[in-house]
Amino acid sequence: MEFKKYIDMIVSIENIELYAIVFLIVFIIWYILNTKKYYHGQKRKIKNLHRFARDGEREAQADLAKRYQKGKQVKKSCQKAAFWYQKAAFSGDEKAKGHLEKFFEKYNRKGKC
């Protein structure tokens, strides 16, 4: 019974189109602001990842190499991926050594990363 009451109230509202347009405008503004905030946060995350990788943190170096190899939140670059895999491998990351070997095997076979 309550639901029918709310439906009748909504239907009886004059200028419901105006309310719908206002709601859509508010929703679009909210969506744009949150999307901007999300991408700004991601950009800051990548910037910090670069800083930590330059400072010698092997996890950051390996993560940055994977991101460059796959093009995740950075521009895809085989050279930068190989560079960061090599830095992580020289820092003692065993997984990075394995990834580096697979990376070069794939690059030699297909010519791309």
N, C-alpha and C. Protein backbone atom coordinates (compact mmCIF):
# COMPACT_ATOMS: atom_id res chain seq x y z
N MET A 1 0.82 -1.18 0.00
CA MET A 1 0.00 0.00 0.00
C MET A 1 0.87 1.26 0.00
N GLU A 2 1.92 1.24 0.78
CA GLU A 2 2.82 2.38 0.86
C GLU A 2 3.45 2.69 -0.49
N PHE A 3 3.85 1.64 -1.21
CA PHE A 3 4.52 1.82 -2.49
C PHE A 3 3.58 2.51 -3.48
N LYS A 4 2.32 2.09 -3.54
CA LYS A 4 1.35 2.71 -4.45
C LYS A 4 1.15 4.18 -4.10
N LYS A 5 1.20 4.48 -2.83
CA LYS A 5 1.04 5.86 -2.37
C LYS A 5 2.18 6.73 -2.90
N TYR A 6 3.41 6.21 -2.83
CA TYR A 6 4.57 6.96 -3.33
C TYR A 6 4.52 7.11 -4.85
N ILE A 7 4.08 6.08 -5.54
CA ILE A 7 3.95 6.16 -7.00
C ILE A 7 2.92 7.21 -7.39
N ASP A 8 1.79 7.22 -6.71
CA ASP A 8 0.76 8.22 -7.00
C ASP A 8 1.27 9.63 -6.72
N MET A 9 2.06 9.79 -5.65
CA MET A 9 2.61 11.10 -5.32
C MET A 9 3.59 11.56 -6.41
N ILE A 10 4.42 10.64 -6.90
CA ILE A 10 5.39 10.99 -7.95
C ILE A 10 4.68 11.36 -9.24
N VAL A 11 3.67 10.58 -9.59
CA VAL A 11 2.94 10.84 -10.83
C VAL A 11 2.19 12.17 -10.77
N SER A 12 1.72 12.54 -9.59
CA SER A 12 0.95 13.78 -9.46
C SER A 12 1.82 15.03 -9.43
N ILE A 13 3.14 14.87 -9.34
CA ILE A 13 4.03 16.04 -9.30
C ILE A 13 4.01 16.73 -10.65
N GLU A 14 3.78 18.03 -10.60
CA GLU A 14 3.84 18.80 -11.83
C GLU A 14 5.29 19.06 -12.19
N ASN A 15 5.58 19.16 -13.45
CA ASN A 15 6.92 19.42 -13.95
C ASN A 15 7.93 18.36 -13.52
N ILE A 16 7.51 17.11 -13.57
CA ILE A 16 8.42 16.02 -13.17
C ILE A 16 9.65 15.98 -14.08
N GLU A 17 9.49 16.41 -15.34
CA GLU A 17 10.62 16.45 -16.26
C GLU A 17 11.70 17.39 -15.76
N LEU A 18 11.26 18.52 -15.19
CA LEU A 18 12.21 19.48 -14.65
C LEU A 18 13.01 18.87 -13.49
N TYR A 19 12.33 18.15 -12.61
CA TYR A 19 13.02 17.49 -11.51
C TYR A 19 13.99 16.43 -12.02
N ALA A 20 13.58 15.71 -13.05
CA ALA A 20 14.46 14.69 -13.63
C ALA A 20 15.70 15.33 -14.25
N ILE A 21 15.53 16.44 -14.92
CA ILE A 21 16.67 17.14 -15.53
C ILE A 21 17.61 17.66 -14.46
N VAL A 22 17.07 18.23 -13.40
CA VAL A 22 17.90 18.73 -12.30
C VAL A 22 18.67 17.57 -11.66
N PHE A 23 17.99 16.46 -11.44
CA PHE A 23 18.66 15.28 -10.88
C PHE A 23 19.79 14.82 -11.78
N LEU A 24 19.55 14.75 -13.09
CA LEU A 24 20.59 14.32 -14.03
C LEU A 24 21.78 15.28 -14.03
N ILE A 25 21.51 16.56 -13.98
CA ILE A 25 22.61 17.55 -13.96
C ILE A 25 23.45 17.39 -12.69
N VAL A 26 22.79 17.23 -11.55
CA VAL A 26 23.51 17.05 -10.28
C VAL A 26 24.32 15.75 -10.34
N PHE A 27 23.72 14.69 -10.86
CA PHE A 27 24.43 13.41 -10.98
C PHE A 27 25.64 13.54 -11.89
N ILE A 28 25.53 14.20 -13.01
CA ILE A 28 26.64 14.37 -13.95
C ILE A 28 27.77 15.17 -13.31
N ILE A 29 27.44 16.23 -12.60
CA ILE A 29 28.47 17.02 -11.91
C ILE A 29 29.19 16.17 -10.87
N TRP A 30 28.43 15.42 -10.10
CA TRP A 30 29.03 14.53 -9.08
C TRP A 30 29.95 13.51 -9.75
N TYR A 31 29.49 12.92 -10.84
CA TYR A 31 30.27 11.90 -11.54
C TYR A 31 31.57 12.48 -12.10
N ILE A 32 31.51 13.64 -12.69
CA ILE A 32 32.72 14.29 -13.25
C ILE A 32 33.71 14.60 -12.14
N LEU A 33 33.24 15.16 -11.04
CA LEU A 33 34.14 15.50 -9.93
C LEU A 33 34.80 14.26 -9.34
N ASN A 34 34.05 13.19 -9.15
CA ASN A 34 34.63 11.96 -8.60
C ASN A 34 35.58 11.29 -9.58
N THR A 35 35.28 11.35 -10.86
CA THR A 35 36.18 10.78 -11.85
C THR A 35 37.49 11.55 -11.88
N LYS A 36 37.41 12.86 -11.82
CA LYS A 36 38.60 13.70 -11.79
C LYS A 36 39.44 13.39 -10.56
N LYS A 37 38.80 13.26 -9.42
CA LYS A 37 39.50 12.95 -8.17
C LYS A 37 40.18 11.58 -8.25
N TYR A 38 39.50 10.60 -8.86
CA TYR A 38 40.07 9.26 -9.00
C TYR A 38 41.33 9.30 -9.86
N TYR A 39 41.25 9.93 -11.03
CA TYR A 39 42.40 9.96 -11.93
C TYR A 39 43.55 10.79 -11.36
N HIS A 40 43.23 11.82 -10.61
CA HIS A 40 44.28 12.60 -9.95
C HIS A 40 45.00 11.73 -8.92
N GLY A 41 44.24 10.92 -8.19
CA GLY A 41 44.83 9.99 -7.22
C GLY A 41 45.69 8.94 -7.88
N GLN A 42 45.25 8.44 -9.04
CA GLN A 42 46.04 7.44 -9.77
C GLN A 42 47.33 8.05 -10.29
N LYS A 43 47.25 9.28 -10.76
CA LYS A 43 48.45 9.97 -11.25
C LYS A 43 49.45 10.16 -10.11
N ARG A 44 48.95 10.52 -8.94
CA ARG A 44 49.81 10.69 -7.78
C ARG A 44 50.43 9.35 -7.37
N LYS A 45 49.66 8.27 -7.48
CA LYS A 45 50.16 6.94 -7.14
C LYS A 45 51.32 6.54 -8.06
N ILE A 46 51.19 6.80 -9.36
CA ILE A 46 52.26 6.47 -10.31
C ILE A 46 53.48 7.34 -10.05
N LYS A 47 53.26 8.60 -9.73
CA LYS A 47 54.37 9.51 -9.43
C LYS A 47 55.16 9.01 -8.22
N ASN A 48 54.45 8.60 -7.18
CA ASN A 48 55.11 8.06 -5.99
C ASN A 48 55.81 6.73 -6.29
N LEU A 49 55.21 5.93 -7.14
CA LEU A 49 55.83 4.66 -7.53
C LEU A 49 57.15 4.91 -8.24
N HIS A 50 57.21 5.91 -9.11
CA HIS A 50 58.46 6.28 -9.78
C HIS A 50 59.51 6.72 -8.75
N ARG A 51 59.06 7.52 -7.79
CA ARG A 51 60.00 8.02 -6.78
C ARG A 51 60.58 6.86 -5.96
N PHE A 52 59.72 5.93 -5.53
CA PHE A 52 60.19 4.79 -4.74
C PHE A 52 61.10 3.89 -5.58
N ALA A 53 60.76 3.72 -6.86
CA ALA A 53 61.59 2.88 -7.73
C ALA A 53 62.96 3.49 -7.93
N ARG A 54 63.02 4.81 -8.12
CA ARG A 54 64.32 5.48 -8.26
C ARG A 54 65.15 5.39 -6.99
N ASP A 55 64.47 5.35 -5.84
CA ASP A 55 65.17 5.24 -4.56
C ASP A 55 65.65 3.82 -4.27
N GLY A 56 65.32 2.86 -5.13
CA GLY A 56 65.87 1.51 -5.01
C GLY A 56 64.95 0.47 -4.41
N GLU A 57 63.68 0.75 -4.22
CA GLU A 57 62.77 -0.26 -3.69
C GLU A 57 62.42 -1.25 -4.79
N ARG A 58 62.79 -2.52 -4.57
CA ARG A 58 62.61 -3.50 -5.65
C ARG A 58 61.15 -3.81 -5.95
N GLU A 59 60.26 -3.78 -4.94
CA GLU A 59 58.84 -4.03 -5.22
C GLU A 59 58.29 -2.94 -6.14
N ALA A 60 58.68 -1.70 -5.88
CA ALA A 60 58.22 -0.59 -6.72
C ALA A 60 58.80 -0.72 -8.13
N GLN A 61 60.06 -1.14 -8.23
CA GLN A 61 60.68 -1.31 -9.54
C GLN A 61 59.98 -2.40 -10.34
N ALA A 62 59.69 -3.53 -9.68
CA ALA A 62 59.01 -4.62 -10.37
C ALA A 62 57.58 -4.23 -10.78
N ASP A 63 56.89 -3.53 -9.89
CA ASP A 63 55.53 -3.10 -10.20
C ASP A 63 55.52 -2.11 -11.36
N LEU A 64 56.47 -1.20 -11.35
CA LEU A 64 56.57 -0.22 -12.43
C LEU A 64 56.89 -0.91 -13.76
N ALA A 65 57.75 -1.92 -13.72
CA ALA A 65 58.08 -2.67 -14.93
C ALA A 65 56.84 -3.36 -15.50
N LYS A 66 56.04 -3.98 -14.64
CA LYS A 66 54.81 -4.65 -15.09
C LYS A 66 53.85 -3.63 -15.71
N ARG A 67 53.75 -2.48 -15.08
CA ARG A 67 52.85 -1.44 -15.60
C ARG A 67 53.31 -0.97 -16.98
N TYR A 68 54.61 -0.77 -17.16
CA TYR A 68 55.10 -0.35 -18.47
C TYR A 68 54.93 -1.46 -19.51
N GLN A 69 55.10 -2.69 -19.10
CA GLN A 69 54.95 -3.80 -20.05
C GLN A 69 53.51 -3.93 -20.53
N LYS A 70 52.56 -3.76 -19.62
CA LYS A 70 51.15 -3.93 -19.98
C LYS A 70 50.47 -2.63 -20.38
N GLY A 71 51.11 -1.49 -20.09
CA GLY A 71 50.50 -0.21 -20.41
C GLY A 71 49.40 0.15 -19.43
N LYS A 72 49.54 -0.28 -18.19
CA LYS A 72 48.52 -0.04 -17.17
C LYS A 72 48.81 1.29 -16.46
N GLN A 73 48.01 2.29 -16.74
CA GLN A 73 48.08 3.64 -16.17
C GLN A 73 49.34 4.40 -16.57
N VAL A 74 50.14 3.85 -17.45
CA VAL A 74 51.29 4.54 -18.05
C VAL A 74 51.31 4.14 -19.52
N LYS A 75 52.04 4.91 -20.31
CA LYS A 75 52.15 4.59 -21.73
C LYS A 75 53.01 3.34 -21.88
N LYS A 76 52.54 2.38 -22.65
CA LYS A 76 53.24 1.11 -22.83
C LYS A 76 54.61 1.37 -23.47
N SER A 77 55.65 0.80 -22.84
CA SER A 77 57.01 0.98 -23.33
C SER A 77 57.83 -0.25 -22.99
N CYS A 78 58.28 -0.95 -24.03
CA CYS A 78 59.10 -2.15 -23.83
C CYS A 78 60.45 -1.78 -23.22
N GLN A 79 61.01 -0.67 -23.66
CA GLN A 79 62.33 -0.27 -23.17
C GLN A 79 62.29 0.08 -21.69
N LYS A 80 61.28 0.83 -21.27
CA LYS A 80 61.18 1.20 -19.87
C LYS A 80 60.85 -0.03 -19.01
N ALA A 81 60.04 -0.94 -19.55
CA ALA A 81 59.73 -2.17 -18.81
C ALA A 81 61.00 -2.98 -18.60
N ALA A 82 61.80 -3.14 -19.65
CA ALA A 82 63.05 -3.89 -19.53
C ALA A 82 64.00 -3.21 -18.54
N PHE A 83 64.06 -1.88 -18.60
CA PHE A 83 64.93 -1.13 -17.69
C PHE A 83 64.54 -1.39 -16.24
N TRP A 84 63.24 -1.30 -15.92
CA TRP A 84 62.82 -1.48 -14.53
C TRP A 84 62.89 -2.93 -14.08
N TYR A 85 62.65 -3.88 -15.00
CA TYR A 85 62.85 -5.29 -14.65
C TYR A 85 64.32 -5.53 -14.31
N GLN A 86 65.20 -4.95 -15.10
CA GLN A 86 66.64 -5.13 -14.88
C GLN A 86 67.06 -4.50 -13.55
N LYS A 87 66.55 -3.31 -13.24
CA LYS A 87 66.88 -2.67 -11.97
C LYS A 87 66.40 -3.52 -10.79
N ALA A 88 65.18 -4.07 -10.91
CA ALA A 88 64.64 -4.91 -9.84
C ALA A 88 65.45 -6.19 -9.70
N ALA A 89 65.86 -6.77 -10.84
CA ALA A 89 66.66 -8.00 -10.80
C ALA A 89 68.01 -7.73 -10.16
N PHE A 90 68.62 -6.61 -10.49
CA PHE A 90 69.91 -6.26 -9.88
C PHE A 90 69.76 -5.94 -8.39
N SER A 91 68.57 -5.52 -7.98
CA SER A 91 68.32 -5.26 -6.56
C SER A 91 68.10 -6.55 -5.77
N GLY A 92 67.97 -7.67 -6.49
CA GLY A 92 67.84 -8.96 -5.81
C GLY A 92 66.46 -9.57 -5.86
N ASP A 93 65.57 -9.05 -6.66
CA ASP A 93 64.22 -9.60 -6.77
C ASP A 93 64.23 -10.80 -7.71
N GLU A 94 64.01 -11.99 -7.15
CA GLU A 94 64.06 -13.23 -7.95
C GLU A 94 62.91 -13.29 -8.96
N LYS A 95 61.72 -12.82 -8.55
CA LYS A 95 60.59 -12.82 -9.49
C LYS A 95 60.87 -11.92 -10.68
N ALA A 96 61.54 -10.80 -10.43
CA ALA A 96 61.86 -9.87 -11.52
C ALA A 96 62.83 -10.53 -12.50
N LYS A 97 63.75 -11.35 -11.98
CA LYS A 97 64.67 -12.06 -12.87
C LYS A 97 63.90 -12.99 -13.80
N GLY A 98 62.93 -13.71 -13.23
CA GLY A 98 62.09 -14.59 -14.04
C GLY A 98 61.28 -13.82 -15.06
N HIS A 99 60.70 -12.70 -14.62
CA HIS A 99 59.92 -11.87 -15.54
C HIS A 99 60.80 -11.31 -16.65
N LEU A 100 62.03 -10.94 -16.30
CA LEU A 100 62.94 -10.38 -17.28
C LEU A 100 63.30 -11.42 -18.34
N GLU A 101 63.55 -12.66 -17.91
CA GLU A 101 63.85 -13.73 -18.86
C GLU A 101 62.66 -13.99 -19.78
N LYS A 102 61.45 -14.09 -19.20
CA LYS A 102 60.25 -14.30 -20.01
C LYS A 102 60.01 -13.12 -20.96
N PHE A 103 60.28 -11.94 -20.46
CA PHE A 103 60.10 -10.74 -21.26
C PHE A 103 61.00 -10.77 -22.50
N PHE A 104 62.28 -11.11 -22.29
CA PHE A 104 63.20 -11.16 -23.43
C PHE A 104 62.90 -12.30 -24.38
N GLU A 105 62.46 -13.44 -23.85
CA GLU A 105 62.06 -14.55 -24.72
C GLU A 105 60.89 -14.14 -25.61
N LYS A 106 59.90 -13.53 -25.00
CA LYS A 106 58.73 -13.08 -25.75
C LYS A 106 59.11 -11.99 -26.75
N TYR A 107 59.98 -11.09 -26.34
CA TYR A 107 60.41 -10.00 -27.23
C TYR A 107 61.20 -10.56 -28.42
N ASN A 108 62.05 -11.56 -28.18
CA ASN A 108 62.84 -12.14 -29.27
C ASN A 108 61.96 -12.94 -30.23
N ARG A 109 60.92 -13.59 -29.72
CA ARG A 109 60.02 -14.37 -30.59
C ARG A 109 59.08 -13.48 -31.40
N LYS A 110 58.41 -12.58 -30.73
CA LYS A 110 57.37 -11.79 -31.38
C LYS A 110 57.81 -10.38 -31.78
N GLY A 111 58.87 -9.90 -31.18
CA GLY A 111 59.34 -8.55 -31.49
C GLY A 111 58.57 -7.47 -30.76
N LYS A 112 57.77 -7.86 -29.80
CA LYS A 112 57.03 -6.88 -28.99
C LYS A 112 56.90 -7.42 -27.57
N CYS A 113 56.62 -6.52 -26.64
CA CYS A 113 56.55 -6.95 -25.24
C CYS A 113 55.15 -7.34 -24.84
